[in-house]
């Protein structure tokens, strides 16, 4: 299980698993519950690199980041640590 503390968003923690590069068991603490639950369900079973390419760079209002962007950053960090 990976844990990530998002920066610059309403959510306070993102947890998830990776199974052979596939995203599993995504959960956000805080943030907009319906939207984040929707994202969690949509990315379940997807290849982590595909999720990163779709979510990275999404902003929220005037903020330079968003919960989806922070999830992409979390996935990048998890992939980097699993390849070491």
N, C-alpha and C. Protein backbone atom coordinates (compact mmCIF):
# COMPACT_ATOMS: atom_id res chain seq x y z
N UNK A 1 0.85 -1.18 0.00
CA UNK A 1 0.00 0.00 0.00
C UNK A 1 0.89 1.24 0.00
N UNK A 2 0.62 2.14 -0.90
CA UNK A 2 1.34 3.40 -0.99
C UNK A 2 0.49 4.50 -0.34
N UNK A 3 1.16 5.44 0.31
CA UNK A 3 0.50 6.61 0.88
C UNK A 3 1.20 7.84 0.35
N UNK A 4 0.42 8.86 0.03
CA UNK A 4 0.98 10.10 -0.50
C UNK A 4 0.25 11.26 0.14
N UNK A 5 0.99 12.28 0.56
CA UNK A 5 0.42 13.50 1.14
C UNK A 5 0.37 14.57 0.05
N UNK A 6 -0.80 14.82 -0.51
CA UNK A 6 -0.92 15.81 -1.59
C UNK A 6 -0.54 17.21 -1.11
N UNK A 7 -0.05 18.01 -2.02
CA UNK A 7 0.32 19.40 -1.75
C UNK A 7 -0.59 20.33 -2.56
N UNK A 8 -1.15 21.34 -1.90
CA UNK A 8 -1.92 22.36 -2.61
C UNK A 8 -3.34 21.96 -2.98
N UNK A 9 -3.87 20.92 -2.32
CA UNK A 9 -5.24 20.47 -2.61
C UNK A 9 -6.02 20.31 -1.32
N UNK A 10 -7.32 20.11 -1.44
CA UNK A 10 -8.18 19.89 -0.28
C UNK A 10 -7.98 18.50 0.32
N UNK A 11 -7.64 17.53 -0.50
CA UNK A 11 -7.42 16.18 0.03
C UNK A 11 -6.12 16.16 0.84
N UNK A 12 -6.11 15.35 1.87
CA UNK A 12 -4.98 15.30 2.80
C UNK A 12 -4.12 14.05 2.65
N UNK A 13 -4.69 13.00 2.05
CA UNK A 13 -3.93 11.76 1.88
C UNK A 13 -4.53 10.95 0.74
N UNK A 14 -3.65 10.32 -0.03
CA UNK A 14 -4.06 9.40 -1.09
C UNK A 14 -3.40 8.06 -0.79
N UNK A 15 -4.19 6.99 -0.78
CA UNK A 15 -3.64 5.65 -0.61
C UNK A 15 -4.05 4.81 -1.82
N UNK A 16 -3.17 3.89 -2.20
CA UNK A 16 -3.45 3.04 -3.36
C UNK A 16 -2.46 1.89 -3.38
N UNK A 17 -2.76 0.91 -4.18
CA UNK A 17 -1.86 -0.22 -4.43
C UNK A 17 -1.54 -0.26 -5.91
N UNK A 18 -0.42 -0.87 -6.22
CA UNK A 18 -0.05 -1.19 -7.59
C UNK A 18 0.17 -2.69 -7.67
N UNK A 19 -0.43 -3.32 -8.67
CA UNK A 19 -0.28 -4.75 -8.88
C UNK A 19 0.17 -4.96 -10.33
N UNK A 20 1.46 -5.26 -10.51
CA UNK A 20 2.02 -5.40 -11.86
C UNK A 20 1.75 -4.17 -12.72
N UNK A 21 1.90 -2.99 -12.10
CA UNK A 21 1.71 -1.73 -12.82
C UNK A 21 0.28 -1.27 -12.95
N UNK A 22 -0.67 -2.06 -12.42
CA UNK A 22 -2.09 -1.71 -12.48
C UNK A 22 -2.51 -1.06 -11.16
N UNK A 23 -3.36 -0.04 -11.26
CA UNK A 23 -3.83 0.72 -10.10
C UNK A 23 -4.94 -0.06 -9.40
N UNK A 24 -4.83 -0.15 -8.08
CA UNK A 24 -5.81 -0.87 -7.27
C UNK A 24 -6.10 -0.07 -6.00
N UNK A 25 -7.29 -0.22 -5.45
CA UNK A 25 -7.68 0.25 -4.11
C UNK A 25 -7.33 1.72 -3.85
N UNK A 26 -7.79 2.62 -4.72
CA UNK A 26 -7.50 4.04 -4.57
C UNK A 26 -8.47 4.66 -3.56
N UNK A 27 -7.92 5.46 -2.64
CA UNK A 27 -8.73 6.14 -1.66
C UNK A 27 -8.15 7.51 -1.37
N UNK A 28 -9.01 8.52 -1.32
CA UNK A 28 -8.62 9.89 -0.99
C UNK A 28 -9.22 10.24 0.37
N UNK A 29 -8.44 10.91 1.22
CA UNK A 29 -8.94 11.43 2.48
C UNK A 29 -9.12 12.92 2.31
N UNK A 30 -10.34 13.41 2.47
CA UNK A 30 -10.64 14.81 2.25
C UNK A 30 -10.93 15.07 0.79
N UNK A 31 -11.12 16.34 0.46
CA UNK A 31 -11.42 16.70 -0.92
C UNK A 31 -12.91 16.55 -1.21
N UNK A 32 -13.27 16.55 -2.47
CA UNK A 32 -14.66 16.45 -2.93
C UNK A 32 -15.03 14.97 -3.06
N UNK A 33 -15.78 14.44 -2.10
CA UNK A 33 -15.99 12.98 -2.03
C UNK A 33 -16.54 12.35 -3.31
N UNK A 34 -17.56 12.92 -3.90
CA UNK A 34 -18.15 12.31 -5.09
C UNK A 34 -17.19 12.27 -6.26
N UNK A 35 -16.52 13.39 -6.51
CA UNK A 35 -15.58 13.44 -7.63
C UNK A 35 -14.42 12.49 -7.42
N UNK A 36 -13.88 12.46 -6.22
CA UNK A 36 -12.71 11.61 -5.96
C UNK A 36 -13.08 10.14 -5.94
N UNK A 37 -14.28 9.84 -5.48
CA UNK A 37 -14.74 8.45 -5.54
C UNK A 37 -14.93 8.03 -7.00
N UNK A 38 -15.42 8.95 -7.82
CA UNK A 38 -15.57 8.67 -9.25
C UNK A 38 -14.22 8.40 -9.90
N UNK A 39 -13.23 9.25 -9.61
CA UNK A 39 -11.89 9.05 -10.16
C UNK A 39 -11.35 7.69 -9.72
N UNK A 40 -11.52 7.38 -8.44
CA UNK A 40 -11.02 6.10 -7.90
C UNK A 40 -11.60 4.92 -8.67
N UNK A 41 -12.89 4.97 -8.92
CA UNK A 41 -13.53 3.86 -9.65
C UNK A 41 -13.11 3.82 -11.12
N UNK A 42 -12.95 4.97 -11.73
CA UNK A 42 -12.57 5.01 -13.14
C UNK A 42 -11.17 4.47 -13.40
N UNK A 43 -10.24 4.73 -12.49
CA UNK A 43 -8.85 4.31 -12.72
C UNK A 43 -8.55 2.90 -12.23
N UNK A 44 -9.46 2.31 -11.48
CA UNK A 44 -9.26 0.96 -10.94
C UNK A 44 -8.97 -0.01 -12.08
N UNK A 45 -7.83 -0.70 -11.99
CA UNK A 45 -7.44 -1.69 -12.97
C UNK A 45 -6.68 -1.14 -14.16
N UNK A 46 -6.57 0.20 -14.25
CA UNK A 46 -5.82 0.80 -15.36
C UNK A 46 -4.32 0.71 -15.12
N UNK A 47 -3.57 0.75 -16.20
CA UNK A 47 -2.12 0.83 -16.13
C UNK A 47 -1.76 2.18 -15.52
N UNK A 48 -0.87 2.20 -14.53
CA UNK A 48 -0.50 3.42 -13.82
C UNK A 48 0.02 4.49 -14.79
N UNK A 49 0.78 4.10 -15.78
CA UNK A 49 1.33 5.08 -16.72
C UNK A 49 0.23 5.72 -17.56
N UNK A 50 -0.82 4.98 -17.87
CA UNK A 50 -1.96 5.55 -18.60
C UNK A 50 -2.70 6.56 -17.71
N UNK A 51 -2.86 6.23 -16.44
CA UNK A 51 -3.51 7.15 -15.50
C UNK A 51 -2.70 8.44 -15.40
N UNK A 52 -1.39 8.31 -15.27
CA UNK A 52 -0.52 9.49 -15.18
C UNK A 52 -0.71 10.37 -16.42
N UNK A 53 -0.70 9.78 -17.60
CA UNK A 53 -0.80 10.57 -18.83
C UNK A 53 -2.15 11.29 -18.93
N UNK A 54 -3.20 10.72 -18.35
CA UNK A 54 -4.52 11.35 -18.40
C UNK A 54 -4.72 12.42 -17.33
N UNK A 55 -4.12 12.24 -16.15
CA UNK A 55 -4.41 13.12 -15.02
C UNK A 55 -3.37 14.20 -14.76
N UNK A 56 -2.13 13.96 -15.16
CA UNK A 56 -1.07 14.91 -14.86
C UNK A 56 -1.34 16.25 -15.55
N UNK A 57 -1.19 17.33 -14.78
CA UNK A 57 -1.35 18.67 -15.33
C UNK A 57 -2.73 19.26 -15.17
N UNK A 58 -3.70 18.49 -14.67
CA UNK A 58 -5.03 19.04 -14.43
C UNK A 58 -4.95 20.01 -13.25
N UNK A 59 -5.57 21.17 -13.43
CA UNK A 59 -5.58 22.18 -12.36
C UNK A 59 -6.98 22.28 -11.77
N UNK A 60 -7.09 22.96 -10.63
CA UNK A 60 -8.36 23.15 -9.94
C UNK A 60 -8.56 24.65 -9.73
N UNK A 61 -9.44 25.25 -10.51
CA UNK A 61 -9.66 26.69 -10.41
C UNK A 61 -8.36 27.44 -10.72
N UNK A 62 -7.96 28.29 -9.79
CA UNK A 62 -6.72 29.06 -9.98
C UNK A 62 -5.50 28.36 -9.39
N UNK A 63 -5.71 27.21 -8.77
CA UNK A 63 -4.59 26.45 -8.19
C UNK A 63 -3.76 25.82 -9.31
N UNK A 64 -2.45 25.72 -9.11
CA UNK A 64 -1.60 25.13 -10.15
C UNK A 64 -1.65 23.59 -10.19
N UNK A 65 -2.42 22.98 -9.30
CA UNK A 65 -2.53 21.53 -9.22
C UNK A 65 -3.97 21.16 -8.89
N UNK A 66 -4.23 19.88 -8.72
CA UNK A 66 -5.56 19.38 -8.37
C UNK A 66 -5.39 18.01 -7.73
N UNK A 67 -6.47 17.47 -7.21
CA UNK A 67 -6.40 16.10 -6.67
C UNK A 67 -6.00 15.08 -7.74
N UNK A 68 -6.57 15.16 -8.96
CA UNK A 68 -6.12 14.22 -9.99
C UNK A 68 -4.63 14.39 -10.33
N UNK A 69 -4.17 15.63 -10.42
CA UNK A 69 -2.75 15.87 -10.70
C UNK A 69 -1.88 15.33 -9.57
N UNK A 70 -2.31 15.51 -8.34
CA UNK A 70 -1.54 15.00 -7.21
C UNK A 70 -1.53 13.48 -7.20
N UNK A 71 -2.62 12.86 -7.63
CA UNK A 71 -2.64 11.40 -7.74
C UNK A 71 -1.63 10.95 -8.80
N UNK A 72 -1.55 11.68 -9.90
CA UNK A 72 -0.55 11.37 -10.93
C UNK A 72 0.86 11.46 -10.35
N UNK A 73 1.11 12.48 -9.54
CA UNK A 73 2.43 12.63 -8.91
C UNK A 73 2.70 11.47 -7.95
N UNK A 74 1.67 11.04 -7.22
CA UNK A 74 1.81 9.91 -6.30
C UNK A 74 2.17 8.64 -7.08
N UNK A 75 1.50 8.43 -8.20
CA UNK A 75 1.78 7.26 -9.03
C UNK A 75 3.21 7.29 -9.57
N UNK A 76 3.65 8.45 -10.04
CA UNK A 76 5.02 8.59 -10.54
C UNK A 76 6.02 8.24 -9.46
N UNK A 77 5.78 8.73 -8.25
CA UNK A 77 6.69 8.45 -7.12
C UNK A 77 6.69 6.94 -6.81
N UNK A 78 5.51 6.33 -6.81
CA UNK A 78 5.42 4.90 -6.51
C UNK A 78 6.12 4.07 -7.57
N UNK A 79 5.93 4.42 -8.83
CA UNK A 79 6.61 3.69 -9.91
C UNK A 79 8.12 3.84 -9.82
N UNK A 80 8.58 5.04 -9.51
CA UNK A 80 10.02 5.26 -9.37
C UNK A 80 10.59 4.44 -8.23
N UNK A 81 9.88 4.36 -7.11
CA UNK A 81 10.40 3.60 -5.97
C UNK A 81 10.35 2.10 -6.22
N UNK A 82 9.41 1.64 -7.03
CA UNK A 82 9.31 0.20 -7.32
C UNK A 82 10.35 -0.24 -8.34
N UNK A 83 10.94 0.68 -9.08
CA UNK A 83 11.96 0.36 -10.08
C UNK A 83 13.38 0.48 -9.55
N UNK A 84 13.52 0.80 -8.28
CA UNK A 84 14.86 0.95 -7.71
C UNK A 84 15.42 -0.36 -7.25
